[in-house]
C-alpha atoms as a PDB file:
ATOM      1  CA  VAL A   1     -23.348  43.375   1.583  1.00  0.00           C
ATOM      2  CA  LEU A   2     -26.498  43.439  -0.558  1.00  0.00           C
ATOM      3  CA  LYS A   3     -27.741  46.506   1.331  1.00  0.00           C
ATOM      4  CA  VAL A   4     -24.538  48.320   0.383  1.00  0.00           C
ATOM      5  CA  VAL A   5     -24.586  47.342  -3.307  1.00  0.00           C
ATOM      6  CA  ARG A   6     -28.347  47.251  -3.919  1.00  0.00           C
ATOM      7  CA  GLY A   7     -28.101  50.292  -6.205  1.00  0.00           C
ATOM      8  CA  ILE A   8     -26.053  48.364  -8.769  1.00  0.00           C
ATOM      9  CA  PRO A   9     -28.242  47.937 -11.878  1.00  0.00           C
ATOM     10  CA  GLU A  10     -27.555  44.226 -12.436  1.00  0.00           C
ATOM     11  CA  PHE A  11     -26.356  41.214 -10.502  1.00  0.00           C
ATOM     12  CA  TRP A  12     -24.759  38.042 -11.883  1.00  0.00           C
ATOM     13  CA  ILE A  13     -25.193  34.813  -9.926  1.00  0.00           C
ATOM     14  CA  ASP A  14     -23.333  31.683 -10.952  1.00  0.00           C
ATOM     15  CA  PHE A  15     -24.562  28.573  -9.172  1.00  0.00           C
ATOM     16  CA  LYS A  16     -21.623  26.171  -9.462  1.00  0.00           C
ATOM     17  CA  HIS A  17     -23.552  23.400  -7.764  1.00  0.00           C
ATOM     18  CA  PHE A  18     -27.296  23.766  -7.825  1.00  0.00           C
ATOM     19  CA  ASP A  19     -29.709  23.039  -5.021  1.00  0.00           C
ATOM     20  CA  THR A  20     -33.258  24.453  -5.156  1.00  0.00           C
ATOM     21  CA  ASN A  21     -33.381  25.247  -1.429  1.00  0.00           C
ATOM     22  CA  PHE A  22     -30.082  27.121  -1.565  1.00  0.00           C
ATOM     23  CA  CYS A  23     -31.189  28.941  -4.729  1.00  0.00           C
ATOM     24  CA  GLU A  24     -34.402  30.121  -3.081  1.00  0.00           C
ATOM     25  CA  ARG A  25     -32.481  31.173   0.026  1.00  0.00           C
ATOM     26  CA  VAL A  26     -30.058  33.252  -2.085  1.00  0.00           C
ATOM     27  CA  LEU A  27     -32.846  34.850  -4.113  1.00  0.00           C
ATOM     28  CA  GLY A  28     -34.741  35.517  -0.889  1.00  0.00           C
ATOM     29  CA  GLU A  29     -31.794  37.548   0.401  1.00  0.00           C
ATOM     30  CA  PHE A  30     -31.956  39.723  -2.727  1.00  0.00           C
ATOM     31  CA  ALA A  31     -35.703  40.208  -2.243  1.00  0.00           C
ATOM     32  CA  LYS A  32     -35.237  41.188   1.441  1.00  0.00           C
ATOM     33  CA  VAL A  33     -33.246  44.276   0.433  1.00  0.00           C
ATOM     34  CA  GLY A  34     -35.585  45.207  -2.411  1.00  0.00           C
ATOM     35  CA  ILE A  35     -33.604  43.919  -5.389  1.00  0.00           C
ATOM     36  CA  ASP A  36     -36.104  42.908  -8.050  1.00  0.00           C
ATOM     37  CA  GLU A  37     -35.367  39.562  -9.684  1.00  0.00           C
ATOM     38  CA  ARG A  38     -35.484  41.205 -13.131  1.00  0.00           C
ATOM     39  CA  ARG A  39     -32.139  42.797 -12.188  1.00  0.00           C
ATOM     40  CA  ILE A  40     -30.580  39.384 -11.578  1.00  0.00           C
ATOM     41  CA  MET A  41     -28.871  37.271 -14.215  1.00  0.00           C
ATOM     42  CA  VAL A  42     -28.247  33.643 -13.364  1.00  0.00           C
ATOM     43  CA  ALA A  43     -25.419  32.222 -15.430  1.00  0.00           C
ATOM     44  CA  THR A  44     -24.557  28.569 -15.152  1.00  0.00           C
ATOM     45  CA  TYR A  45     -23.573  25.357 -16.914  1.00  0.00           C
ATOM     46  CA  THR A  46     -26.080  23.535 -14.718  1.00  0.00           C
ATOM     47  CA  GLN A  47     -29.079  22.487 -16.764  1.00  0.00           C
ATOM     48  CA  GLU A  48     -31.050  21.658 -13.618  1.00  0.00           C
ATOM     49  CA  ALA A  49     -30.729  25.287 -12.496  1.00  0.00           C
ATOM     50  CA  LEU A  50     -31.720  26.656 -15.893  1.00  0.00           C
ATOM     51  CA  ARG A  51     -34.791  24.399 -16.078  1.00  0.00           C
ATOM     52  CA  TYR A  52     -35.824  25.170 -12.504  1.00  0.00           C
ATOM     53  CA  LEU A  53     -35.536  28.936 -12.984  1.00  0.00           C
ATOM     54  CA  LYS A  54     -37.313  28.825 -16.348  1.00  0.00           C
ATOM     55  CA  THR A  55     -40.319  27.340 -14.565  1.00  0.00           C
ATOM     56  CA  SER A  56     -40.166  28.976 -11.140  1.00  0.00           C
ATOM     57  CA  ARG A  57     -38.852  32.426 -12.088  1.00  0.00           C
ATOM     58  CA  PRO A  58     -39.592  33.077 -15.757  1.00  0.00           C
ATOM     59  CA  ALA A  59     -38.864  36.822 -15.484  1.00  0.00           C
ATOM     60  CA  MET A  60     -35.301  36.172 -14.340  1.00  0.00           C
ATOM     61  CA  ARG A  61     -32.649  36.339 -17.042  1.00  0.00           C
ATOM     62  CA  ARG A  62     -30.926  33.017 -17.572  1.00  0.00           C
ATOM     63  CA  ILE A  63     -27.539  32.752 -19.260  1.00  0.00           C
ATOM     64  CA  GLY A  64     -26.073  29.450 -20.335  1.00  0.00           C
ATOM     65  CA  HIS A  65     -22.336  29.017 -19.984  1.00  0.00           C
ATOM     66  CA  ILE A  66     -21.117  27.171 -23.051  1.00  0.00           C
ATOM     67  CA  ASP A  67     -17.635  25.822 -23.589  1.00  0.00           C
ATOM     68  CA  PHE A  68     -16.437  23.707 -26.464  1.00  0.00           C
ATOM     69  CA  TRP A  69     -14.463  20.499 -26.717  1.00  0.00           C
ATOM     70  CA  GLY A  70     -12.825  19.172 -29.795  1.00  0.00           C
ATOM     71  CA  MET A  71     -12.028  15.752 -31.147  1.00  0.00           C
ATOM     72  CA  ASP A  72     -10.837  14.779 -34.625  1.00  0.00           C
ATOM     73  CA  GLY A  73     -11.284  18.315 -35.933  1.00  0.00           C
ATOM     74  CA  LYS A  74     -14.875  18.550 -34.729  1.00  0.00           C
ATOM     75  CA  TRP A  75     -16.261  20.814 -32.017  1.00  0.00           C
ATOM     76  CA  SER A  76     -19.123  20.280 -29.627  1.00  0.00           C
ATOM     77  CA  PRO A  77     -20.759  22.660 -27.125  1.00  0.00           C
ATOM     78  CA  SER A  78     -20.683  21.504 -23.498  1.00  0.00           C
ATOM     79  CA  PHE A  79     -24.442  20.927 -23.300  1.00  0.00           C
ATOM     80  CA  ALA A  80     -24.166  18.297 -26.072  1.00  0.00           C
ATOM     81  CA  ARG A  81     -21.262  16.453 -24.436  1.00  0.00           C
ATOM     82  CA  SER A  82     -23.405  13.964 -22.542  1.00  0.00           C
ATOM     83  CA  LYS A  83     -25.206  13.124 -25.771  1.00  0.00           C
ATOM     84  CA  GLY A  84     -21.915  12.464 -27.575  1.00  0.00           C
ATOM     85  CA  VAL A  85     -22.789  15.019 -30.251  1.00  0.00           C
ATOM     86  CA  LEU A  86     -19.907  16.433 -32.258  1.00  0.00           C
ATOM     87  CA  TYR A  87     -20.414  19.251 -34.739  1.00  0.00           C
ATOM     88  CA  ALA A  88     -17.954  19.564 -37.601  1.00  0.00           C
ATOM     89  CA  PRO A  89     -16.478  22.836 -38.861  1.00  0.00           C
ATOM     90  CA  ALA A  90     -18.178  24.151 -42.016  1.00  0.00           C
ATOM     91  CA  SER A  91     -15.134  23.461 -44.173  1.00  0.00           C
ATOM     92  CA  GLU A  92     -11.414  22.886 -43.833  1.00  0.00           C
ATOM     93  CA  GLY A  93      -9.713  25.955 -42.394  1.00  0.00           C
ATOM     94  CA  GLU A  94     -13.026  27.563 -41.509  1.00  0.00           C
ATOM     95  CA  ALA A  95     -14.002  27.388 -37.867  1.00  0.00           C
ATOM     96  CA  TYR A  96     -17.568  28.669 -38.097  1.00  0.00           C
ATOM     97  CA  SER A  97     -20.092  25.864 -38.164  1.00  0.00           C
ATOM     98  CA  ARG A  98     -23.779  26.395 -38.780  1.00  0.00           C
ATOM     99  CA  GLU A  99     -24.304  23.131 -36.895  1.00  0.00           C
ATOM    100  CA  VAL A 100     -22.747  24.643 -33.757  1.00  0.00           C
ATOM    101  CA  ALA A 101     -24.882  27.775 -34.169  1.00  0.00           C
ATOM    102  CA  ASP A 102     -28.047  25.729 -34.652  1.00  0.00           C
ATOM    103  CA  GLY A 103     -27.188  23.607 -31.605  1.00  0.00           C
ATOM    104  CA  ILE A 104     -26.701  26.693 -29.432  1.00  0.00           C
ATOM    105  CA  LEU A 105     -29.928  28.278 -30.688  1.00  0.00           C
ATOM    106  CA  SER A 106     -31.866  25.080 -30.033  1.00  0.00           C
ATOM    107  CA  TYR A 107     -30.393  24.827 -26.528  1.00  0.00           C
ATOM    108  CA  ALA A 108     -31.206  28.495 -25.846  1.00  0.00           C
ATOM    109  CA  GLU A 109     -34.813  27.905 -26.857  1.00  0.00           C
ATOM    110  CA  GLU A 110     -35.101  24.726 -24.778  1.00  0.00           C
ATOM    111  CA  MET A 111     -33.729  26.450 -21.668  1.00  0.00           C
ATOM    112  CA  GLY A 112     -35.455  29.784 -22.289  1.00  0.00           C
ATOM    113  CA  LEU A 113     -32.112  31.579 -22.263  1.00  0.00           C
ATOM    114  CA  TRP A 114     -31.787  35.334 -22.373  1.00  0.00           C
ATOM    115  CA  GLY A 115     -28.143  34.976 -23.340  1.00  0.00           C
ATOM    116  CA  VAL A 116     -25.067  32.823 -23.636  1.00  0.00           C
ATOM    117  CA  ASN A 117     -21.614  33.131 -22.137  1.00  0.00           C
ATOM    118  CA  LEU A 118     -19.272  31.489 -24.654  1.00  0.00           C
ATOM    119  CA  ASP A 119     -15.863  30.057 -23.934  1.00  0.00           C
ATOM    120  CA  SER A 120     -13.047  31.994 -25.603  1.00  0.00           C
ATOM    121  CA  ASN A 121     -12.277  29.448 -28.271  1.00  0.00           C
ATOM    122  CA  PRO A 122     -11.471  31.493 -31.408  1.00  0.00           C
ATOM    123  CA  ARG A 123     -11.716  28.327 -33.535  1.00  0.00           C
ATOM    124  CA  VAL A 124     -15.436  28.145 -32.740  1.00  0.00           C
ATOM    125  CA  VAL A 125     -16.488  31.586 -31.504  1.00  0.00           C
ATOM    126  CA  THR A 126     -16.314  33.595 -34.702  1.00  0.00           C
ATOM    127  CA  ARG A 127     -17.738  36.858 -35.947  1.00  0.00           C
ATOM    128  CA  GLU A 128     -20.392  34.883 -37.845  1.00  0.00           C
ATOM    129  CA  LEU A 129     -21.446  32.859 -34.812  1.00  0.00           C
ATOM    130  CA  VAL A 130     -21.752  35.890 -32.530  1.00  0.00           C
ATOM    131  CA  ALA A 131     -23.615  37.875 -35.216  1.00  0.00           C
ATOM    132  CA  LEU A 132     -26.121  35.070 -35.731  1.00  0.00           C
ATOM    133  CA  LEU A 133     -26.733  34.591 -32.003  1.00  0.00           C
ATOM    134  CA  LYS A 134     -27.246  38.330 -31.530  1.00  0.00           C
ATOM    135  CA  LYS A 135     -29.501  38.501 -34.581  1.00  0.00           C
ATOM    136  CA  ARG A 136     -31.661  35.823 -32.959  1.00  0.00           C
ATOM    137  CA  GLY A 137     -31.991  38.044 -29.884  1.00  0.00           C
ATOM    138  CA  LEU A 138     -29.438  36.482 -27.548  1.00  0.00           C
ATOM    139  CA  TRP A 139     -27.141  38.536 -25.346  1.00  0.00           C
ATOM    140  CA  VAL A 140     -23.602  37.238 -25.932  1.00  0.00           C
ATOM    141  CA  SER A 141     -20.540  37.446 -23.719  1.00  0.00           C
ATOM    142  CA  ILE A 142     -17.119  35.854 -24.084  1.00  0.00           C
ATOM    143  CA  ALA A 143     -15.424  34.346 -21.047  1.00  0.00           C
ATOM    144  CA  LEU A 144     -12.210  32.763 -19.930  1.00  0.00           C
ATOM    145  CA  ILE A 145      -9.533  34.498 -21.958  1.00  0.00           C
ATOM    146  CA  HIS A 146      -6.458  33.039 -20.270  1.00  0.00           C
ATOM    147  CA  THR A 147      -3.619  33.531 -22.715  1.00  0.00           C
ATOM    148  CA  ARG A 148      -2.114  36.305 -24.757  1.00  0.00           C
ATOM    149  CA  GLY A 149      -2.876  34.296 -27.911  1.00  0.00           C
ATOM    150  CA  GLN A 150      -6.574  34.136 -27.053  1.00  0.00           C
ATOM    151  CA  ALA A 151      -6.650  37.861 -26.305  1.00  0.00           C
ATOM    152  CA  GLU A 152      -4.941  38.635 -29.605  1.00  0.00           C
ATOM    153  CA  ALA A 153      -7.348  36.385 -31.506  1.00  0.00           C
ATOM    154  CA  PHE A 154     -10.336  38.217 -30.065  1.00  0.00           C
ATOM    155  CA  ALA A 155      -8.699  41.640 -30.427  1.00  0.00           C
ATOM    156  CA  ARG A 156      -8.698  41.072 -34.202  1.00  0.00           C
ATOM    157  CA  HIS A 157     -12.482  40.727 -33.991  1.00  0.00           C
ATOM    158  CA  VAL A 158     -13.161  43.620 -31.622  1.00  0.00           C
ATOM    159  CA  ASP A 159     -15.754  45.082 -33.991  1.00  0.00           C
ATOM    160  CA  PHE A 160     -18.181  42.204 -33.343  1.00  0.00           C
ATOM    161  CA  LEU A 161     -17.633  42.455 -29.598  1.00  0.00           C
ATOM    162  CA  SER A 162     -18.517  46.123 -29.342  1.00  0.00           C
ATOM    163  CA  ILE A 163     -20.533  47.272 -26.376  1.00  0.00           C
ATOM    164  CA  GLY A 164     -23.929  48.724 -27.212  1.00  0.00           C
ATOM    165  CA  THR A 165     -26.925  49.744 -25.157  1.00  0.00           C
ATOM    166  CA  ASN A 166     -28.240  46.181 -24.999  1.00  0.00           C
ATOM    167  CA  ASP A 167     -24.927  44.355 -25.090  1.00  0.00           C
ATOM    168  CA  LEU A 168     -22.304  43.821 -22.465  1.00  0.00           C
ATOM    169  CA  VAL A 169     -19.116  41.950 -23.229  1.00  0.00           C
END
């Protein structure tokens, strides 16, 4: 299959369960057909995979999947869940939280992320959040739009999700 599609400019790999031996085997298959690892994006929730690839394959683009969970009107990114960290909205009725943005930026720096793939939660993923992440040099994509309501919420913000030469949504 890789021989047939090797001309595609970019490849997205999502390791659902990470194992270093399996990862190296998969990446080895790409190398066998001449696909340079700089054309590969690894997107995952798995921090072990992101840390391993940051060290072993620093040229490879790493994308952190980030979803959000809420409790008592506060939102937390998935990577903070194990730490029990909850970030509050900036003010009542306003979903954007500088604390969420700062948490994502800190996580991106720690993991050496090239980009983030954010869950389609319009209460958290706002024009301001996406603009700030892009301004800080992160590639941003939105994932998992499952309902008409979510699609409509993001359609109202289509201007901040525009596709440019360095952006893919």
